[in-house]
């Protein structure tokens, strides 16, 4: 019978091999060609383009920049307020898409049951409807 240390070492070796194989398979499945490069440049340009939004204006998500459940894609929302001093998201996980996100606009929308809600967002993700 093997020693416990030998068994643990073998398990760790197998886990490391499986993790390495997983990384290789993911890289083979993801072909980051010219189309991907063009898309990421386009989305970045859209994100960096600051729209001039006003209170009362109807807005929607910019293409490929929706990062929250609401509003739904192409669902109109109304600008309730544009904050002079943005709120910085307190999400403390650096791997989160909300980590230190600048929330500088409050939008209102109606959800499925007809209730009007307001939420804070990053205005860089929205454009006129």
N, C-alpha and C. Protein backbone atom coordinates (compact mmCIF):
# COMPACT_ATOMS: atom_id res chain seq x y z
N UNK A 1 0.83 -1.18 0.00
CA UNK A 1 0.00 0.00 0.00
C UNK A 1 0.88 1.25 0.00
N UNK A 2 0.49 2.26 -0.77
CA UNK A 2 1.25 3.50 -0.89
C UNK A 2 1.12 4.34 0.36
N UNK A 3 2.12 5.17 0.58
CA UNK A 3 2.09 6.11 1.69
C UNK A 3 1.10 7.22 1.36
N UNK A 4 0.48 7.82 2.40
CA UNK A 4 -0.45 8.94 2.16
C UNK A 4 0.19 10.08 1.37
N UNK A 5 1.48 10.36 1.63
CA UNK A 5 2.16 11.45 0.92
C UNK A 5 2.24 11.14 -0.58
N UNK A 6 2.48 9.86 -0.91
CA UNK A 6 2.57 9.47 -2.32
C UNK A 6 1.22 9.61 -3.01
N UNK A 7 0.17 9.24 -2.31
CA UNK A 7 -1.19 9.35 -2.87
C UNK A 7 -1.53 10.81 -3.11
N UNK A 8 -1.24 11.67 -2.15
CA UNK A 8 -1.51 13.10 -2.29
C UNK A 8 -0.71 13.69 -3.44
N UNK A 9 0.55 13.31 -3.54
CA UNK A 9 1.41 13.80 -4.63
C UNK A 9 0.85 13.39 -5.99
N UNK A 10 0.37 12.15 -6.11
CA UNK A 10 -0.20 11.67 -7.37
C UNK A 10 -1.49 12.42 -7.71
N UNK A 11 -2.33 12.68 -6.72
CA UNK A 11 -3.57 13.43 -6.94
C UNK A 11 -3.24 14.85 -7.41
N UNK A 12 -2.30 15.50 -6.76
CA UNK A 12 -1.91 16.86 -7.15
C UNK A 12 -1.35 16.89 -8.57
N UNK A 13 -0.56 15.89 -8.93
CA UNK A 13 0.00 15.81 -10.28
C UNK A 13 -1.12 15.70 -11.31
N UNK A 14 -2.10 14.82 -11.03
CA UNK A 14 -3.23 14.65 -11.94
C UNK A 14 -4.05 15.93 -12.07
N UNK A 15 -4.28 16.62 -10.96
CA UNK A 15 -5.04 17.88 -11.00
C UNK A 15 -4.31 18.93 -11.83
N UNK A 16 -3.01 19.04 -11.64
CA UNK A 16 -2.22 20.01 -12.41
C UNK A 16 -2.24 19.70 -13.89
N UNK A 17 -2.15 18.43 -14.25
CA UNK A 17 -2.21 18.03 -15.67
C UNK A 17 -3.57 18.36 -16.26
N UNK A 18 -4.64 18.08 -15.52
CA UNK A 18 -6.00 18.37 -16.02
C UNK A 18 -6.19 19.87 -16.21
N UNK A 19 -5.69 20.68 -15.27
CA UNK A 19 -5.82 22.13 -15.37
C UNK A 19 -5.04 22.66 -16.57
N UNK A 20 -3.83 22.12 -16.80
CA UNK A 20 -3.02 22.53 -17.95
C UNK A 20 -3.73 22.15 -19.25
N UNK A 21 -4.30 20.94 -19.31
CA UNK A 21 -5.03 20.51 -20.50
C UNK A 21 -6.25 21.39 -20.75
N UNK A 22 -6.93 21.79 -19.69
CA UNK A 22 -8.10 22.65 -19.81
C UNK A 22 -7.71 23.99 -20.43
N UNK A 23 -6.60 24.58 -19.97
CA UNK A 23 -6.14 25.85 -20.51
C UNK A 23 -5.80 25.73 -21.99
N UNK A 24 -5.15 24.64 -22.38
CA UNK A 24 -4.79 24.41 -23.79
C UNK A 24 -6.05 24.28 -24.63
N UNK A 25 -7.03 23.51 -24.16
CA UNK A 25 -8.28 23.33 -24.90
C UNK A 25 -9.05 24.64 -25.06
N UNK A 26 -9.10 25.45 -24.00
CA UNK A 26 -9.79 26.74 -24.09
C UNK A 26 -9.12 27.64 -25.11
N UNK A 27 -7.79 27.66 -25.14
CA UNK A 27 -7.06 28.50 -26.09
C UNK A 27 -7.31 28.04 -27.52
N UNK A 28 -7.37 26.71 -27.76
CA UNK A 28 -7.63 26.19 -29.09
C UNK A 28 -9.04 26.53 -29.55
N UNK A 29 -10.01 26.57 -28.62
CA UNK A 29 -11.40 26.86 -28.97
C UNK A 29 -11.60 28.35 -29.27
N UNK A 30 -10.80 29.20 -28.66
CA UNK A 30 -10.93 30.64 -28.83
C UNK A 30 -9.96 31.12 -29.89
N UNK A 31 -10.50 31.41 -31.07
CA UNK A 31 -9.68 31.91 -32.15
C UNK A 31 -9.82 33.43 -32.17
N UNK A 32 -8.83 34.12 -31.64
CA UNK A 32 -8.87 35.57 -31.56
C UNK A 32 -8.24 36.17 -32.80
N UNK A 33 -8.97 36.09 -33.88
CA UNK A 33 -8.47 36.58 -35.16
C UNK A 33 -8.80 38.04 -35.40
N UNK A 34 -8.71 38.43 -36.65
CA UNK A 34 -8.93 39.82 -37.06
C UNK A 34 -10.33 40.32 -36.73
N UNK A 35 -11.33 39.44 -36.87
CA UNK A 35 -12.71 39.84 -36.57
C UNK A 35 -12.85 40.23 -35.10
N UNK A 36 -12.25 39.43 -34.22
CA UNK A 36 -12.29 39.73 -32.79
C UNK A 36 -11.57 41.05 -32.49
N UNK A 37 -10.40 41.23 -33.10
CA UNK A 37 -9.62 42.45 -32.88
C UNK A 37 -10.41 43.67 -33.33
N UNK A 38 -11.05 43.59 -34.48
CA UNK A 38 -11.86 44.70 -34.99
C UNK A 38 -13.02 44.99 -34.05
N UNK A 39 -13.67 43.94 -33.55
CA UNK A 39 -14.81 44.12 -32.65
C UNK A 39 -14.38 44.77 -31.34
N UNK A 40 -13.30 44.30 -30.75
CA UNK A 40 -12.88 44.87 -29.47
C UNK A 40 -12.46 46.33 -29.62
N UNK A 41 -11.85 46.68 -30.75
CA UNK A 41 -11.50 48.08 -31.00
C UNK A 41 -12.75 48.93 -31.15
N UNK A 42 -13.75 48.41 -31.86
CA UNK A 42 -14.99 49.14 -32.07
C UNK A 42 -15.74 49.36 -30.75
N UNK A 43 -15.81 48.32 -29.94
CA UNK A 43 -16.52 48.43 -28.66
C UNK A 43 -15.78 49.39 -27.73
N UNK A 44 -14.47 49.35 -27.73
CA UNK A 44 -13.68 50.27 -26.92
C UNK A 44 -13.94 51.71 -27.35
N UNK A 45 -13.96 51.95 -28.64
CA UNK A 45 -14.21 53.30 -29.17
C UNK A 45 -15.60 53.78 -28.73
N UNK A 46 -16.58 52.89 -28.79
CA UNK A 46 -17.94 53.22 -28.37
C UNK A 46 -17.99 53.54 -26.88
N UNK A 47 -17.29 52.75 -26.07
CA UNK A 47 -17.26 52.96 -24.63
C UNK A 47 -16.62 54.30 -24.28
N UNK A 48 -15.55 54.64 -24.98
CA UNK A 48 -14.82 55.88 -24.69
C UNK A 48 -15.52 57.13 -25.23
N UNK A 49 -16.43 56.94 -26.19
CA UNK A 49 -17.17 58.09 -26.75
C UNK A 49 -18.23 58.52 -25.73
N UNK A 50 -18.06 59.71 -25.21
CA UNK A 50 -18.98 60.22 -24.19
C UNK A 50 -20.17 60.89 -24.86
N UNK A 51 -21.33 60.30 -24.66
CA UNK A 51 -22.57 60.89 -25.18
C UNK A 51 -22.99 62.05 -24.28
N UNK A 52 -23.63 63.06 -24.84
CA UNK A 52 -24.14 64.13 -23.98
C UNK A 52 -25.60 63.80 -23.68
N UNK A 53 -25.80 63.25 -22.51
CA UNK A 53 -27.13 62.84 -22.07
C UNK A 53 -27.71 63.90 -21.15
N UNK A 54 -29.06 63.98 -21.14
CA UNK A 54 -29.75 64.99 -20.34
C UNK A 54 -30.87 64.35 -19.54
N UNK A 55 -31.20 64.97 -18.42
CA UNK A 55 -32.33 64.50 -17.61
C UNK A 55 -33.59 64.52 -18.47
N UNK A 56 -34.35 63.44 -18.40
CA UNK A 56 -35.57 63.30 -19.18
C UNK A 56 -35.37 62.60 -20.51
N UNK A 57 -34.13 62.43 -20.91
CA UNK A 57 -33.83 61.79 -22.19
C UNK A 57 -34.02 60.27 -22.08
N UNK A 58 -34.47 59.67 -23.17
CA UNK A 58 -34.63 58.21 -23.25
C UNK A 58 -33.33 57.63 -23.82
N UNK A 59 -32.81 56.59 -23.15
CA UNK A 59 -31.54 55.98 -23.53
C UNK A 59 -31.68 54.47 -23.59
N UNK A 60 -30.65 53.84 -24.15
CA UNK A 60 -30.56 52.38 -24.20
C UNK A 60 -29.09 52.00 -24.10
N UNK A 61 -28.83 50.71 -23.87
CA UNK A 61 -27.46 50.23 -23.83
C UNK A 61 -26.80 50.43 -25.19
N UNK A 62 -25.52 50.76 -25.19
CA UNK A 62 -24.73 50.72 -26.41
C UNK A 62 -24.48 49.24 -26.73
N UNK A 63 -24.31 48.95 -28.00
CA UNK A 63 -24.07 47.57 -28.45
C UNK A 63 -22.83 46.99 -27.75
N UNK A 64 -22.98 45.79 -27.20
CA UNK A 64 -21.92 45.03 -26.53
C UNK A 64 -21.45 45.64 -25.20
N UNK A 65 -22.19 46.62 -24.65
CA UNK A 65 -21.77 47.23 -23.39
C UNK A 65 -22.75 47.00 -22.24
N UNK A 66 -23.71 46.15 -22.43
CA UNK A 66 -24.68 45.82 -21.37
C UNK A 66 -23.97 44.94 -20.33
N UNK A 67 -23.92 45.43 -19.09
CA UNK A 67 -23.26 44.66 -18.04
C UNK A 67 -24.15 44.45 -16.80
N UNK A 68 -25.42 44.71 -16.94
CA UNK A 68 -26.37 44.54 -15.84
C UNK A 68 -27.63 43.86 -16.37
N UNK A 69 -28.40 43.33 -15.44
CA UNK A 69 -29.63 42.62 -15.82
C UNK A 69 -30.66 43.58 -16.43
N UNK A 70 -30.79 44.77 -15.84
CA UNK A 70 -31.75 45.76 -16.32
C UNK A 70 -31.00 47.02 -16.74
N UNK A 71 -31.52 47.76 -17.70
CA UNK A 71 -32.63 47.41 -18.56
C UNK A 71 -32.23 46.29 -19.52
N UNK A 72 -33.24 45.65 -20.09
CA UNK A 72 -32.97 44.61 -21.07
C UNK A 72 -32.37 45.24 -22.32
N UNK A 73 -31.78 44.42 -23.16
CA UNK A 73 -31.21 44.93 -24.41
C UNK A 73 -32.30 45.65 -25.20
N UNK A 74 -32.01 46.85 -25.64
CA UNK A 74 -32.92 47.72 -26.40
C UNK A 74 -34.13 48.21 -25.62
N UNK A 75 -34.22 47.94 -24.31
CA UNK A 75 -35.31 48.48 -23.49
C UNK A 75 -35.03 49.94 -23.18
N UNK A 76 -35.96 50.83 -23.47
CA UNK A 76 -35.72 52.24 -23.16
C UNK A 76 -35.73 52.48 -21.65
N UNK A 77 -34.86 53.40 -21.23
CA UNK A 77 -34.82 53.87 -19.85
C UNK A 77 -34.77 55.39 -19.91
N UNK A 78 -35.17 56.03 -18.82
CA UNK A 78 -35.18 57.49 -18.80
C UNK A 78 -34.12 57.99 -17.83
N UNK A 79 -33.43 59.05 -18.23
CA UNK A 79 -32.40 59.64 -17.38
C UNK A 79 -33.10 60.41 -16.26
N UNK A 80 -32.85 60.01 -15.04
CA UNK A 80 -33.42 60.66 -13.85
C UNK A 80 -32.47 61.73 -13.33
N UNK A 81 -31.18 61.42 -13.33
CA UNK A 81 -30.18 62.38 -12.84
C UNK A 81 -28.82 62.06 -13.43
N UNK A 82 -28.03 63.11 -13.60
CA UNK A 82 -26.63 62.97 -13.98
C UNK A 82 -25.84 63.52 -12.79
N UNK A 83 -25.04 62.67 -12.19
CA UNK A 83 -24.36 63.02 -10.95
C UNK A 83 -23.13 63.88 -11.20
N UNK A 84 -23.01 64.97 -10.47
CA UNK A 84 -21.81 65.81 -10.55
C UNK A 84 -20.61 65.07 -9.97
N UNK A 85 -20.86 64.32 -8.91
CA UNK A 85 -19.80 63.54 -8.28
C UNK A 85 -20.19 62.07 -8.38
N UNK A 86 -19.56 61.31 -9.28
CA UNK A 86 -19.93 59.90 -9.46
C UNK A 86 -19.75 59.07 -8.19
N UNK A 87 -20.55 58.04 -8.09
CA UNK A 87 -20.41 57.05 -7.04
C UNK A 87 -19.48 55.98 -7.59
N UNK A 88 -18.53 55.55 -6.78
CA UNK A 88 -17.63 54.49 -7.20
C UNK A 88 -18.12 53.20 -6.57
N UNK A 89 -18.35 52.19 -7.41
CA UNK A 89 -18.84 50.90 -6.93
C UNK A 89 -17.93 50.37 -5.83
N UNK A 90 -18.53 49.82 -4.80
CA UNK A 90 -17.76 49.29 -3.67
C UNK A 90 -17.52 47.80 -3.80
N UNK A 91 -17.82 47.24 -4.96
CA UNK A 91 -17.54 45.81 -5.17
C UNK A 91 -16.05 45.62 -4.93
N UNK A 92 -15.71 44.76 -3.97
CA UNK A 92 -14.30 44.65 -3.57
C UNK A 92 -13.55 43.50 -4.22
N UNK A 93 -14.15 42.87 -5.21
CA UNK A 93 -13.50 41.76 -5.90
C UNK A 93 -12.93 42.27 -7.22
N UNK A 94 -11.61 42.33 -7.32
CA UNK A 94 -11.00 42.93 -8.51
C UNK A 94 -11.31 42.17 -9.80
N UNK A 95 -11.74 40.92 -9.69
CA UNK A 95 -12.11 40.16 -10.88
C UNK A 95 -13.53 40.43 -11.34
N UNK A 96 -14.26 41.23 -10.59
CA UNK A 96 -15.65 41.54 -10.93
C UNK A 96 -15.71 42.65 -11.97
N UNK A 97 -16.67 42.58 -12.91
CA UNK A 97 -16.81 43.68 -13.88
C UNK A 97 -17.30 44.97 -13.22
N UNK A 98 -17.74 44.89 -11.96
CA UNK A 98 -18.24 46.07 -11.25
C UNK A 98 -17.19 46.69 -10.34
N UNK A 99 -15.99 46.12 -10.27
CA UNK A 99 -14.92 46.60 -9.39
C UNK A 99 -14.58 48.05 -9.73
N UNK A 100 -14.78 48.94 -8.77
CA UNK A 100 -14.50 50.37 -8.90
C UNK A 100 -15.17 51.01 -10.11
N UNK A 101 -16.30 50.49 -10.53
CA UNK A 101 -17.03 51.06 -11.66
C UNK A 101 -17.54 52.45 -11.28
N UNK A 102 -17.39 53.40 -12.19
CA UNK A 102 -17.85 54.76 -11.98
C UNK A 102 -19.33 54.85 -12.34
N UNK A 103 -20.16 55.12 -11.35
CA UNK A 103 -21.61 55.20 -11.56
C UNK A 103 -21.98 56.67 -11.54
N UNK A 104 -22.26 57.23 -12.71
CA UNK A 104 -22.46 58.67 -12.81
C UNK A 104 -23.82 59.09 -13.36
N UNK A 105 -24.72 58.12 -13.49
CA UNK A 105 -26.04 58.45 -14.03
C UNK A 105 -27.08 57.56 -13.33
N UNK A 106 -28.25 58.14 -13.10
CA UNK A 106 -29.36 57.37 -12.53
C UNK A 106 -30.42 57.25 -13.61
N UNK A 107 -30.81 56.03 -13.90
CA UNK A 107 -31.84 55.77 -14.91
C UNK A 107 -33.06 55.15 -14.25
N UNK A 108 -34.21 55.45 -14.83
CA UNK A 108 -35.46 54.86 -14.38
C UNK A 108 -36.02 53.97 -15.47
N UNK A 109 -36.63 52.87 -15.03
CA UNK A 109 -37.26 51.96 -15.99
C UNK A 109 -38.37 51.19 -15.30
N UNK A 110 -39.22 50.63 -16.11
CA UNK A 110 -40.33 49.83 -15.60
C UNK A 110 -39.99 48.36 -15.82
N UNK A 111 -40.08 47.57 -14.74
CA UNK A 111 -39.78 46.14 -14.83
C UNK A 111 -41.05 45.37 -15.17
N UNK A 112 -40.90 44.04 -15.30
CA UNK A 112 -41.98 43.18 -15.80
C UNK A 112 -43.32 43.36 -15.09
N UNK A 113 -43.30 43.58 -13.78
CA UNK A 113 -44.57 43.67 -13.06
C UNK A 113 -45.15 45.09 -13.07
N UNK A 114 -44.54 46.00 -13.83
CA UNK A 114 -45.05 47.36 -13.95
C UNK A 114 -44.51 48.33 -12.92
N UNK A 115 -43.58 47.91 -12.10
CA UNK A 115 -43.01 48.77 -11.07
C UNK A 115 -41.88 49.62 -11.66
N UNK A 116 -41.87 50.90 -11.30
CA UNK A 116 -40.82 51.81 -11.75
C UNK A 116 -39.66 51.75 -10.75
N UNK A 117 -38.46 51.47 -11.25
CA UNK A 117 -37.26 51.42 -10.43
C UNK A 117 -36.23 52.40 -10.96
N UNK A 118 -35.33 52.83 -10.08
CA UNK A 118 -34.19 53.63 -10.50
C UNK A 118 -32.92 52.88 -10.12
N UNK A 119 -31.91 52.98 -10.99
CA UNK A 119 -30.63 52.32 -10.79
C UNK A 119 -29.50 53.25 -11.19
N UNK A 120 -28.34 53.05 -10.58
CA UNK A 120 -27.13 53.80 -10.91
C UNK A 120 -26.34 53.03 -11.97
N UNK A 121 -25.79 53.78 -12.94
CA UNK A 121 -25.04 53.16 -14.02
C UNK A 121 -23.84 54.01 -14.40
N UNK A 122 -22.98 53.42 -15.24
CA UNK A 122 -21.88 54.13 -15.89
C UNK A 122 -22.46 54.66 -17.21
N UNK A 123 -22.51 55.96 -17.35
CA UNK A 123 -23.14 56.58 -18.54
C UNK A 123 -22.40 56.23 -19.83
N UNK A 124 -21.15 55.81 -19.74
CA UNK A 124 -20.38 55.45 -20.95
C UNK A 124 -20.99 54.25 -21.68
N UNK A 125 -21.86 53.54 -21.00
CA UNK A 125 -22.47 52.34 -21.58
C UNK A 125 -23.81 52.62 -22.27
N UNK A 126 -24.24 53.89 -22.29
CA UNK A 126 -25.55 54.22 -22.84
C UNK A 126 -25.47 55.25 -23.96
N UNK A 127 -26.51 55.21 -24.80
CA UNK A 127 -26.63 56.14 -25.91
C UNK A 127 -28.10 56.55 -26.04
N UNK A 128 -28.39 57.63 -26.76
CA UNK A 128 -29.80 58.01 -26.97
C UNK A 128 -30.57 56.87 -27.62
N UNK A 129 -31.81 56.75 -27.24
CA UNK A 129 -32.68 55.68 -27.77
C UNK A 129 -33.08 55.97 -29.20
